[in-house]
Amino acid sequence: MLPLVPKLTCLADAATRRDHSLGLIDDERAYVATLLARTRDLWSLLGGSSQYVAFQPSTVAERKYGIDGILLIHAFDCFKVVAFEAKRPGFGLPRNWDATLYPPHPHLSRFNRQLESQKAIQLDGWVTGGLFINELPPGEPGIATADKLGSTFIEWRILHPYSANVVATFPHKWKTSDLAALMLTPGVQALGLEDLLTRVVNCEDGTPMDRGRLLQSARTFNAAAKAARARIESPQRDEPEPERNGEEDESDSIPALLRALCRNTGAGFALMLDVRDSTDLLRSRWREKQLDAALSPPSKTERPTGERF
């Protein structure tokens, strides 16, 4: 069933975009919640097992940590994870979708800071980036390279370096024209969710990890995001984050895992799709990628041989 994940998510995204274009879905949170819930429902129709958590993050965490939604794929006793910040840039009518910070910072906007926050988990094997929601009816891309049916995903490795150039000049924040220029740049891949998840399933992006490593990476992200915020913001003007009730659930259940991921990343929604069976080829790809991530990098004096061992 693993190869079906991209197609089902694409169908859920197309239906959600249709509702958004009709004014039935108003904002990013509602879009992400509907997208993940629909993906869960389609997966269940095929007999697949899934778990879905809708969390209520603080406004501070939601805006500053850079993650609105999380999609976990559970297969071969390990996980692959996609995490994204959702934005509505206005594909038909440009809108003001980024913001400057207080106090003013010449090299950091809200979206730029969110991308900075994503760095810790991106480098730890998560697939992260921006999910750009299209308000136009399916079939009308608005920007030529945008996905025609659903939303458009741009990976962190593309957004992050480009963002530094965007915020370096006035008005020091992203505009729709900046996003359009990036998407139309030769060589830049603006992906639909089907293309993105096909890459994830085939292990072209992201690293499979066990539960312990997944939780540890989320906690590391949380600590790094808080430290970065403390360095650049005025504590007198910053809204405090509310304390969570109770300790983090350390049980082995999947809902507990999803709640922990949301708690540490500020995400409002997390979906896990459980894949019980798949091909031996995909199994070997996942295992090889997991082994590669565990290997120490070669020393500078080691001669490359073209062999893994």
C-alpha atoms as a PDB file:
ATOM      1  CA  MET A   1       0.000   0.000   0.000  1.00  0.00           C
ATOM      2  CA  LEU A   2       2.987   2.303   0.357  1.00  0.00           C
ATOM      3  CA  PRO A   3       2.904   3.441  -3.304  1.00  0.00           C
ATOM      4  CA  LEU A   4      -0.725   4.551  -2.790  1.00  0.00           C
ATOM      5  CA  VAL A   5       0.186   7.211  -0.194  1.00  0.00           C
ATOM      6  CA  PRO A   6       1.113   9.913  -2.766  1.00  0.00           C
ATOM      7  CA  LYS A   7      -1.999   9.411  -4.888  1.00  0.00           C
ATOM      8  CA  LEU A   8      -4.443   9.422  -1.963  1.00  0.00           C
ATOM      9  CA  THR A   9      -2.883  12.548  -0.450  1.00  0.00           C
ATOM     10  CA  CYS A  10      -3.071  14.270  -3.843  1.00  0.00           C
ATOM     11  CA  LEU A  11      -6.791  13.430  -4.122  1.00  0.00           C
ATOM     12  CA  ALA A  12      -7.418  14.807  -0.619  1.00  0.00           C
ATOM     13  CA  ASP A  13      -5.486  17.970  -1.475  1.00  0.00           C
ATOM     14  CA  ALA A  14      -7.445  18.528  -4.709  1.00  0.00           C
ATOM     15  CA  ALA A  15     -10.768  18.203  -2.870  1.00  0.00           C
ATOM     16  CA  THR A  16      -9.580  20.566  -0.154  1.00  0.00           C
ATOM     17  CA  ARG A  17      -8.440  23.151  -2.695  1.00  0.00           C
ATOM     18  CA  ARG A  18     -11.827  22.947  -4.405  1.00  0.00           C
ATOM     19  CA  ASP A  19     -13.562  23.722  -1.104  1.00  0.00           C
ATOM     20  CA  HIS A  20     -11.120  26.565  -0.411  1.00  0.00           C
ATOM     21  CA  SER A  21     -11.790  28.099  -3.834  1.00  0.00           C
ATOM     22  CA  LEU A  22     -15.522  28.026  -3.043  1.00  0.00           C
ATOM     23  CA  GLY A  23     -15.009  29.858   0.239  1.00  0.00           C
ATOM     24  CA  LEU A  24     -15.826  26.787   2.367  1.00  0.00           C
ATOM     25  CA  ILE A  25     -12.364  26.727   3.969  1.00  0.00           C
ATOM     26  CA  ASP A  26     -11.129  30.033   5.265  1.00  0.00           C
ATOM     27  CA  ASP A  27      -7.522  29.887   6.447  1.00  0.00           C
ATOM     28  CA  GLU A  28      -4.335  27.856   6.675  1.00  0.00           C
ATOM     29  CA  ARG A  29      -5.274  25.967   9.842  1.00  0.00           C
ATOM     30  CA  ALA A  30      -8.624  24.891   8.427  1.00  0.00           C
ATOM     31  CA  TYR A  31      -6.957  23.836   5.160  1.00  0.00           C
ATOM     32  CA  VAL A  32      -4.310  21.710   6.887  1.00  0.00           C
ATOM     33  CA  ALA A  33      -6.870  20.130   9.229  1.00  0.00           C
ATOM     34  CA  THR A  34      -9.146  19.230   6.308  1.00  0.00           C
ATOM     35  CA  LEU A  35      -6.313  17.957   4.108  1.00  0.00           C
ATOM     36  CA  LEU A  36      -4.970  15.566   6.735  1.00  0.00           C
ATOM     37  CA  ALA A  37      -8.424  14.407   7.859  1.00  0.00           C
ATOM     38  CA  ARG A  38      -9.417  13.655   4.260  1.00  0.00           C
ATOM     39  CA  THR A  39      -6.194  11.742   3.690  1.00  0.00           C
ATOM     40  CA  ARG A  40      -6.959   9.669   6.799  1.00  0.00           C
ATOM     41  CA  ASP A  41     -10.489   8.943   5.567  1.00  0.00           C
ATOM     42  CA  LEU A  42      -9.338   7.875   2.094  1.00  0.00           C
ATOM     43  CA  TRP A  43      -6.694   5.645   3.651  1.00  0.00           C
ATOM     44  CA  SER A  44      -9.338   4.053   5.883  1.00  0.00           C
ATOM     45  CA  LEU A  45     -11.576   3.348   2.884  1.00  0.00           C
ATOM     46  CA  LEU A  46      -8.795   1.121   1.524  1.00  0.00           C
ATOM     47  CA  GLY A  47      -8.552  -0.693   4.842  1.00  0.00           C
ATOM     48  CA  GLY A  48      -5.444   1.134   6.011  1.00  0.00           C
ATOM     49  CA  SER A  49      -4.715   1.939   9.647  1.00  0.00           C
ATOM     50  CA  SER A  50      -4.070   5.534  10.679  1.00  0.00           C
ATOM     51  CA  GLN A  51      -4.012   7.900  13.644  1.00  0.00           C
ATOM     52  CA  TYR A  52      -4.831  11.609  13.558  1.00  0.00           C
ATOM     53  CA  VAL A  53      -4.314  14.259  16.217  1.00  0.00           C
ATOM     54  CA  ALA A  54      -5.657  17.811  16.178  1.00  0.00           C
ATOM     55  CA  PHE A  55      -3.728  19.904  18.694  1.00  0.00           C
ATOM     56  CA  GLN A  56      -4.220  23.458  19.897  1.00  0.00           C
ATOM     57  CA  PRO A  57      -0.820  25.181  19.845  1.00  0.00           C
ATOM     58  CA  SER A  58      -0.278  28.589  21.335  1.00  0.00           C
ATOM     59  CA  THR A  59      -0.377  31.482  18.868  1.00  0.00           C
ATOM     60  CA  VAL A  60       3.294  32.080  19.629  1.00  0.00           C
ATOM     61  CA  ALA A  61       4.371  28.523  18.854  1.00  0.00           C
ATOM     62  CA  GLU A  62       2.245  28.339  15.719  1.00  0.00           C
ATOM     63  CA  ARG A  63       3.743  31.502  14.225  1.00  0.00           C
ATOM     64  CA  LYS A  64       7.333  31.108  15.330  1.00  0.00           C
ATOM     65  CA  TYR A  65       8.218  27.427  15.129  1.00  0.00           C
ATOM     66  CA  GLY A  66       7.479  27.083  11.422  1.00  0.00           C
ATOM     67  CA  ILE A  67       5.342  23.918  11.366  1.00  0.00           C
ATOM     68  CA  ASP A  68       1.584  23.765  10.839  1.00  0.00           C
ATOM     69  CA  GLY A  69       1.156  20.105   9.946  1.00  0.00           C
ATOM     70  CA  ILE A  70       2.982  16.779  10.144  1.00  0.00           C
ATOM     71  CA  LEU A  71       2.506  13.664   8.017  1.00  0.00           C
ATOM     72  CA  LEU A  72       4.135  10.449   9.244  1.00  0.00           C
ATOM     73  CA  ILE A  73       4.505   7.337   7.121  1.00  0.00           C
ATOM     74  CA  HIS A  74       5.045   4.238   9.273  1.00  0.00           C
ATOM     75  CA  ALA A  75       6.512   1.254   7.454  1.00  0.00           C
ATOM     76  CA  PHE A  76       9.131  -1.419   8.087  1.00  0.00           C
ATOM     77  CA  ASP A  77       9.208  -0.564  11.839  1.00  0.00           C
ATOM     78  CA  CYS A  78      10.382   2.990  11.186  1.00  0.00           C
ATOM     79  CA  PHE A  79       8.995   6.398  10.269  1.00  0.00           C
ATOM     80  CA  LYS A  80       9.447   8.988   7.571  1.00  0.00           C
ATOM     81  CA  VAL A  81       8.129  12.439   8.307  1.00  0.00           C
ATOM     82  CA  VAL A  82       7.027  15.449   6.273  1.00  0.00           C
ATOM     83  CA  ALA A  83       6.478  18.730   8.145  1.00  0.00           C
ATOM     84  CA  PHE A  84       5.395  22.004   6.607  1.00  0.00           C
ATOM     85  CA  GLU A  85       4.455  25.605   7.217  1.00  0.00           C
ATOM     86  CA  ALA A  86       1.288  26.480   5.276  1.00  0.00           C
ATOM     87  CA  LYS A  87       0.927  29.871   3.581  1.00  0.00           C
ATOM     88  CA  ARG A  88      -1.694  31.558   1.384  1.00  0.00           C
ATOM     89  CA  PRO A  89       0.360  33.872  -0.868  1.00  0.00           C
ATOM     90  CA  GLY A  90      -2.462  34.715  -3.280  1.00  0.00           C
ATOM     91  CA  PHE A  91      -1.888  32.908  -6.578  1.00  0.00           C
ATOM     92  CA  GLY A  92      -4.698  34.857  -8.241  1.00  0.00           C
ATOM     93  CA  LEU A  93      -4.686  38.107  -6.282  1.00  0.00           C
ATOM     94  CA  PRO A  94      -1.422  38.759  -4.376  1.00  0.00           C
ATOM     95  CA  ARG A  95      -1.905  39.247  -0.654  1.00  0.00           C
ATOM     96  CA  ASN A  96       0.182  40.302   2.335  1.00  0.00           C
ATOM     97  CA  TRP A  97       1.231  36.900   3.727  1.00  0.00           C
ATOM     98  CA  ASP A  98       4.531  37.574   5.503  1.00  0.00           C
ATOM     99  CA  ALA A  99       5.305  40.059   8.268  1.00  0.00           C
ATOM    100  CA  THR A 100       8.241  41.954   9.728  1.00  0.00           C
ATOM    101  CA  LEU A 101       9.253  41.252  13.311  1.00  0.00           C
ATOM    102  CA  TYR A 102       9.167  43.398  16.419  1.00  0.00           C
ATOM    103  CA  PRO A 103      11.638  44.810  17.197  1.00  0.00           C
ATOM    104  CA  PRO A 104      12.463  45.400  13.483  1.00  0.00           C
ATOM    105  CA  HIS A 105      15.157  43.043  12.267  1.00  0.00           C
ATOM    106  CA  PRO A 106      16.749  43.826   8.880  1.00  0.00           C
ATOM    107  CA  HIS A 107      17.479  40.203   8.034  1.00  0.00           C
ATOM    108  CA  LEU A 108      14.554  38.273   9.469  1.00  0.00           C
ATOM    109  CA  SER A 109      10.835  38.212   8.629  1.00  0.00           C
ATOM    110  CA  ARG A 110       8.260  35.886  10.164  1.00  0.00           C
ATOM    111  CA  PHE A 111       8.497  33.377   7.310  1.00  0.00           C
ATOM    112  CA  ASN A 112      12.260  33.654   7.209  1.00  0.00           C
ATOM    113  CA  ARG A 113      12.405  32.904  10.939  1.00  0.00           C
ATOM    114  CA  GLN A 114      10.109  29.912  10.447  1.00  0.00           C
ATOM    115  CA  LEU A 115      12.502  28.573   7.831  1.00  0.00           C
ATOM    116  CA  GLU A 116      15.398  29.137  10.211  1.00  0.00           C
ATOM    117  CA  SER A 117      13.530  27.102  12.819  1.00  0.00           C
ATOM    118  CA  GLN A 118      12.986  24.221  10.389  1.00  0.00           C
ATOM    119  CA  LYS A 119      16.724  23.840   9.860  1.00  0.00           C
ATOM    120  CA  ALA A 120      17.306  21.637  12.923  1.00  0.00           C
ATOM    121  CA  ILE A 121      14.865  18.917  11.872  1.00  0.00           C
ATOM    122  CA  GLN A 122      15.611  19.233   8.164  1.00  0.00           C
ATOM    123  CA  LEU A 123      19.226  18.359   8.881  1.00  0.00           C
ATOM    124  CA  ASP A 124      18.061  15.455  11.056  1.00  0.00           C
ATOM    125  CA  GLY A 125      16.202  13.682   8.259  1.00  0.00           C
ATOM    126  CA  TRP A 126      12.755  15.301   8.221  1.00  0.00           C
ATOM    127  CA  VAL A 127      11.378  16.611   4.921  1.00  0.00           C
ATOM    128  CA  THR A 128      10.387  20.226   5.560  1.00  0.00           C
ATOM    129  CA  GLY A 129       9.384  23.304   3.599  1.00  0.00           C
ATOM    130  CA  GLY A 130       6.478  25.535   2.682  1.00  0.00           C
ATOM    131  CA  LEU A 131       3.032  24.370   1.584  1.00  0.00           C
ATOM    132  CA  PHE A 132       1.590  27.157  -0.551  1.00  0.00           C
ATOM    133  CA  ILE A 133      -2.202  27.035  -0.725  1.00  0.00           C
ATOM    134  CA  ASN A 134      -3.854  28.053  -3.982  1.00  0.00           C
ATOM    135  CA  GLU A 135      -7.194  29.850  -3.732  1.00  0.00           C
ATOM    136  CA  LEU A 136      -7.950  29.458  -7.445  1.00  0.00           C
ATOM    137  CA  PRO A 137     -10.262  26.663  -8.660  1.00  0.00           C
ATOM    138  CA  PRO A 138      -8.464  23.408  -9.546  1.00  0.00           C
ATOM    139  CA  GLY A 139      -7.100  23.629 -13.076  1.00  0.00           C
ATOM    140  CA  GLU A 140      -6.024  27.275 -12.758  1.00  0.00           C
ATOM    141  CA  PRO A 141      -2.424  27.397 -11.468  1.00  0.00           C
ATOM    142  CA  GLY A 142      -2.072  31.186 -11.270  1.00  0.00           C
ATOM    143  CA  ILE A 143       1.716  30.837 -11.395  1.00  0.00           C
ATOM    144  CA  ALA A 144       2.784  28.649 -14.315  1.00  0.00           C
ATOM    145  CA  THR A 145       4.756  26.084 -12.314  1.00  0.00           C
ATOM    146  CA  ALA A 146       2.241  25.767  -9.469  1.00  0.00           C
ATOM    147  CA  ASP A 147       0.406  22.475  -9.071  1.00  0.00           C
ATOM    148  CA  LYS A 148      -2.774  22.632 -11.140  1.00  0.00           C
ATOM    149  CA  LEU A 149      -5.007  20.613  -8.819  1.00  0.00           C
ATOM    150  CA  GLY A 150      -3.806  21.117  -5.254  1.00  0.00           C
ATOM    151  CA  SER A 151      -1.329  23.049  -3.178  1.00  0.00           C
ATOM    152  CA  THR A 152       2.348  23.522  -4.054  1.00  0.00           C
ATOM    153  CA  PHE A 153       5.246  22.379  -1.871  1.00  0.00           C
ATOM    154  CA  ILE A 154       8.721  23.925  -2.039  1.00  0.00           C
ATOM    155  CA  GLU A 155      11.446  22.219  -0.068  1.00  0.00           C
ATOM    156  CA  TRP A 156      13.408  23.901   2.700  1.00  0.00           C
ATOM    157  CA  ARG A 157      16.712  23.464   0.867  1.00  0.00           C
ATOM    158  CA  ILE A 158      15.355  25.748  -1.876  1.00  0.00           C
ATOM    159  CA  LEU A 159      13.407  28.218   0.260  1.00  0.00           C
ATOM    160  CA  HIS A 160      16.003  28.817   2.959  1.00  0.00           C
ATOM    161  CA  PRO A 161      18.888  30.266   0.906  1.00  0.00           C
ATOM    162  CA  TYR A 162      16.501  32.231  -1.299  1.00  0.00           C
ATOM    163  CA  SER A 163      14.788  33.720   1.746  1.00  0.00           C
ATOM    164  CA  ALA A 164      18.027  35.307   2.932  1.00  0.00           C
ATOM    165  CA  ASN A 165      18.133  37.371  -0.265  1.00  0.00           C
ATOM    166  CA  VAL A 166      14.457  38.316   0.015  1.00  0.00           C
ATOM    167  CA  VAL A 167      14.674  39.763   3.524  1.00  0.00           C
ATOM    168  CA  ALA A 168      17.988  41.533   2.902  1.00  0.00           C
ATOM    169  CA  THR A 169      16.220  44.291   0.951  1.00  0.00           C
ATOM    170  CA  PHE A 170      13.218  46.498   1.706  1.00  0.00           C
ATOM    171  CA  PRO A 171      10.505  45.710   2.792  1.00  0.00           C
ATOM    172  CA  HIS A 172      12.451  42.890   4.467  1.00  0.00           C
ATOM    173  CA  LYS A 173       9.689  40.317   4.045  1.00  0.00           C
ATOM    174  CA  TRP A 174       8.330  37.969   1.418  1.00  0.00           C
ATOM    175  CA  LYS A 175       5.887  39.182  -1.225  1.00  0.00           C
ATOM    176  CA  THR A 176       3.905  37.095  -3.688  1.00  0.00           C
ATOM    177  CA  SER A 177       6.160  38.365  -6.466  1.00  0.00           C
ATOM    178  CA  ASP A 178       9.187  36.927  -4.625  1.00  0.00           C
ATOM    179  CA  LEU A 179       7.552  33.517  -4.476  1.00  0.00           C
ATOM    180  CA  ALA A 180       6.568  33.705  -8.154  1.00  0.00           C
ATOM    181  CA  ALA A 181      10.121  34.617  -9.145  1.00  0.00           C
ATOM    182  CA  LEU A 182      11.468  31.649  -7.202  1.00  0.00           C
ATOM    183  CA  MET A 183       8.944  29.213  -8.658  1.00  0.00           C
ATOM    184  CA  LEU A 184       9.722  30.369 -12.202  1.00  0.00           C
ATOM    185  CA  THR A 185      13.493  30.046 -11.726  1.00  0.00           C
ATOM    186  CA  PRO A 186      14.910  27.316 -14.009  1.00  0.00           C
ATOM    187  CA  GLY A 187      15.810  24.238 -12.002  1.00  0.00           C
ATOM    188  CA  VAL A 188      13.547  25.037  -9.034  1.00  0.00           C
ATOM    189  CA  GLN A 189      11.092  22.234  -8.339  1.00  0.00           C
ATOM    190  CA  ALA A 190       7.663  23.375  -7.180  1.00  0.00           C
ATOM    191  CA  LEU A 191       6.073  20.073  -6.241  1.00  0.00           C
ATOM    192  CA  GLY A 192       2.523  18.856  -5.927  1.00  0.00           C
ATOM    193  CA  LEU A 193       1.952  16.569  -2.961  1.00  0.00           C
ATOM    194  CA  GLU A 194       1.882  13.499  -5.193  1.00  0.00           C
ATOM    195  CA  ASP A 195       5.354  14.267  -6.561  1.00  0.00           C
ATOM    196  CA  LEU A 196       6.688  15.161  -3.118  1.00  0.00           C
ATOM    197  CA  LEU A 197       5.415  12.007  -1.423  1.00  0.00           C
ATOM    198  CA  THR A 198       6.569   9.822  -4.304  1.00  0.00           C
ATOM    199  CA  ARG A 199      10.076  11.100  -3.587  1.00  0.00           C
ATOM    200  CA  VAL A 200       9.606  10.450   0.132  1.00  0.00           C
ATOM    201  CA  VAL A 201       8.238   6.925  -0.355  1.00  0.00           C
ATOM    202  CA  ASN A 202      11.084   6.062  -2.759  1.00  0.00           C
ATOM    203  CA  CYS A 203      13.632   7.440  -0.271  1.00  0.00           C
ATOM    204  CA  GLU A 204      14.809  10.201  -2.582  1.00  0.00           C
ATOM    205  CA  ASP A 205      14.022  12.633   0.252  1.00  0.00           C
ATOM    206  CA  GLY A 206      14.076  12.200   4.011  1.00  0.00           C
ATOM    207  CA  THR A 207      15.569   9.574   6.309  1.00  0.00           C
ATOM    208  CA  PRO A 208      13.690   6.679   7.946  1.00  0.00           C
ATOM    209  CA  MET A 209      14.077   6.775  11.726  1.00  0.00           C
ATOM    210  CA  ASP A 210      12.925   4.838  14.733  1.00  0.00           C
ATOM    211  CA  ARG A 211      10.591   6.254  17.363  1.00  0.00           C
ATOM    212  CA  GLY A 212      13.384   7.252  19.739  1.00  0.00           C
ATOM    213  CA  ARG A 213      15.301   9.227  17.145  1.00  0.00           C
ATOM    214  CA  LEU A 214      12.106  10.865  15.902  1.00  0.00           C
ATOM    215  CA  LEU A 215      11.167  12.090  19.384  1.00  0.00           C
ATOM    216  CA  GLN A 216      14.690  13.245  20.123  1.00  0.00           C
ATOM    217  CA  SER A 217      14.857  15.270  16.913  1.00  0.00           C
ATOM    218  CA  ALA A 218      11.563  16.989  17.815  1.00  0.00           C
ATOM    219  CA  ARG A 219      12.867  17.867  21.275  1.00  0.00           C
ATOM    220  CA  THR A 220      16.112  19.172  19.809  1.00  0.00           C
ATOM    221  CA  PHE A 221      14.095  21.297  17.406  1.00  0.00           C
ATOM    222  CA  ASN A 222      12.049  22.715  20.292  1.00  0.00           C
ATOM    223  CA  ALA A 223      15.148  23.694  22.264  1.00  0.00           C
ATOM    224  CA  ALA A 224      16.859  25.219  19.227  1.00  0.00           C
ATOM    225  CA  ALA A 225      13.777  27.225  18.234  1.00  0.00           C
ATOM    226  CA  LYS A 226      13.389  28.662  21.736  1.00  0.00           C
ATOM    227  CA  ALA A 227      17.072  29.569  21.922  1.00  0.00           C
ATOM    228  CA  ALA A 228      16.987  31.289  18.530  1.00  0.00           C
ATOM    229  CA  ARG A 229      13.916  33.290  19.501  1.00  0.00           C
ATOM    230  CA  ALA A 230      15.507  34.409  22.733  1.00  0.00           C
ATOM    231  CA  ARG A 231      18.500  35.785  20.826  1.00  0.00           C
ATOM    232  CA  ILE A 232      16.528  38.021  18.465  1.00  0.00           C
ATOM    233  CA  GLU A 233      13.387  39.118  20.257  1.00  0.00           C
ATOM    234  CA  SER A 234      12.531  41.533  23.015  1.00  0.00           C
ATOM    235  CA  PRO A 235      11.285  39.609  26.043  1.00  0.00           C
ATOM    236  CA  GLN A 236       9.179  42.579  27.136  1.00  0.00           C
ATOM    237  CA  ARG A 237       7.094  42.463  23.953  1.00  0.00           C
ATOM    238  CA  ASP A 238       7.066  38.721  23.346  1.00  0.00           C
ATOM    239  CA  GLU A 239       3.890  36.878  24.303  1.00  0.00           C
ATOM    240  CA  PRO A 240       4.703  34.061  26.755  1.00  0.00           C
ATOM    241  CA  GLU A 241       3.955  30.523  25.699  1.00  0.00           C
ATOM    242  CA  PRO A 242       1.364  28.808  27.898  1.00  0.00           C
ATOM    243  CA  GLU A 243       2.448  25.877  30.001  1.00  0.00           C
ATOM    244  CA  ARG A 244       1.142  22.487  28.943  1.00  0.00           C
ATOM    245  CA  ASN A 245      -0.995  20.574  31.400  1.00  0.00           C
ATOM    246  CA  GLY A 246       0.813  17.504  32.628  1.00  0.00           C
ATOM    247  CA  GLU A 247       4.044  15.830  31.600  1.00  0.00           C
ATOM    248  CA  GLU A 248       4.737  14.555  28.140  1.00  0.00           C
ATOM    249  CA  ASP A 249       3.033  11.239  27.514  1.00  0.00           C
ATOM    250  CA  GLU A 250       5.792   8.641  27.383  1.00  0.00           C
ATOM    251  CA  SER A 251       3.557   5.683  26.447  1.00  0.00           C
ATOM    252  CA  ASP A 252       4.287   3.667  23.330  1.00  0.00           C
ATOM    253  CA  SER A 253       0.988   4.498  21.614  1.00  0.00           C
ATOM    254  CA  ILE A 254       0.934   6.291  18.270  1.00  0.00           C
ATOM    255  CA  PRO A 255      -1.445   9.035  19.542  1.00  0.00           C
ATOM    256  CA  ALA A 256       1.062   9.757  22.312  1.00  0.00           C
ATOM    257  CA  LEU A 257       3.822  10.031  19.710  1.00  0.00           C
ATOM    258  CA  LEU A 258       1.766  12.408  17.584  1.00  0.00           C
ATOM    259  CA  ARG A 259       0.893  14.578  20.591  1.00  0.00           C
ATOM    260  CA  ALA A 260       4.562  14.750  21.557  1.00  0.00           C
ATOM    261  CA  LEU A 261       5.538  15.809  18.044  1.00  0.00           C
ATOM    262  CA  CYS A 262       2.874  18.531  18.017  1.00  0.00           C
ATOM    263  CA  ARG A 263       3.861  19.699  21.493  1.00  0.00           C
ATOM    264  CA  ASN A 264       7.520  20.058  20.562  1.00  0.00           C
ATOM    265  CA  THR A 265       7.072  21.588  17.101  1.00  0.00           C
ATOM    266  CA  GLY A 266       4.026  23.812  17.575  1.00  0.00           C
ATOM    267  CA  ALA A 267       2.144  21.881  14.881  1.00  0.00           C
ATOM    268  CA  GLY A 268      -1.626  21.898  15.114  1.00  0.00           C
ATOM    269  CA  PHE A 269      -2.231  18.643  13.238  1.00  0.00           C
ATOM    270  CA  ALA A 270      -0.415  15.340  12.794  1.00  0.00           C
ATOM    271  CA  LEU A 271      -1.407  12.271  10.780  1.00  0.00           C
ATOM    272  CA  MET A 272       0.244   8.854  10.781  1.00  0.00           C
ATOM    273  CA  LEU A 273      -0.441   6.384   7.958  1.00  0.00           C
ATOM    274  CA  ASP A 274       0.478   2.820   8.873  1.00  0.00           C
ATOM    275  CA  VAL A 275       1.710   0.714   5.959  1.00  0.00           C
ATOM    276  CA  ARG A 276       1.650  -2.970   6.825  1.00  0.00           C
ATOM    277  CA  ASP A 277       2.809  -4.376   3.515  1.00  0.00           C
ATOM    278  CA  SER A 278       4.881  -3.216   0.587  1.00  0.00           C
ATOM    279  CA  THR A 279       7.457  -4.377  -1.915  1.00  0.00           C
ATOM    280  CA  ASP A 280      10.855  -5.802  -1.035  1.00  0.00           C
ATOM    281  CA  LEU A 281      12.435  -3.123  -3.231  1.00  0.00           C
ATOM    282  CA  LEU A 282      10.993  -0.296  -1.137  1.00  0.00           C
ATOM    283  CA  ARG A 283      11.922  -2.110   2.062  1.00  0.00           C
ATOM    284  CA  SER A 284      15.538  -2.338   0.935  1.00  0.00           C
ATOM    285  CA  ARG A 285      15.590   1.352  -0.028  1.00  0.00           C
ATOM    286  CA  TRP A 286      14.297   2.396   3.398  1.00  0.00           C
ATOM    287  CA  ARG A 287      16.800   0.155   5.185  1.00  0.00           C
ATOM    288  CA  GLU A 288      19.719   1.369   3.064  1.00  0.00           C
ATOM    289  CA  LYS A 289      18.814   5.024   3.693  1.00  0.00           C
ATOM    290  CA  GLN A 290      18.555   4.308   7.417  1.00  0.00           C
ATOM    291  CA  LEU A 291      21.979   2.676   7.410  1.00  0.00           C
ATOM    292  CA  ASP A 292      23.508   5.536   5.432  1.00  0.00           C
ATOM    293  CA  ALA A 293      22.231   8.022   8.015  1.00  0.00           C
ATOM    294  CA  ALA A 294      23.834   6.002  10.823  1.00  0.00           C
ATOM    295  CA  LEU A 295      27.280   5.841   9.171  1.00  0.00           C
ATOM    296  CA  SER A 296      29.971   8.276  10.251  1.00  0.00           C
ATOM    297  CA  PRO A 297      31.057  10.689   7.499  1.00  0.00           C
ATOM    298  CA  PRO A 298      34.309   9.708   5.772  1.00  0.00           C
ATOM    299  CA  SER A 299      37.483  11.339   7.018  1.00  0.00           C
ATOM    300  CA  LYS A 300      39.219  13.907   4.842  1.00  0.00           C
ATOM    301  CA  THR A 301      42.091  11.519   4.224  1.00  0.00           C
ATOM    302  CA  GLU A 302      39.895   8.562   3.266  1.00  0.00           C
ATOM    303  CA  ARG A 303      39.919   7.820  -0.429  1.00  0.00           C
ATOM    304  CA  PRO A 304      36.463   7.319  -1.973  1.00  0.00           C
ATOM    305  CA  THR A 305      36.077   3.794  -3.305  1.00  0.00           C
ATOM    306  CA  GLY A 306      32.488   3.923  -4.589  1.00  0.00           C
ATOM    307  CA  GLU A 307      31.563   1.205  -2.074  1.00  0.00           C
ATOM    308  CA  ARG A 308      29.526   1.676   1.104  1.00  0.00           C
ATOM    309  CA  PHE A 309      31.666  -0.712   3.233  1.00  0.00           C
END
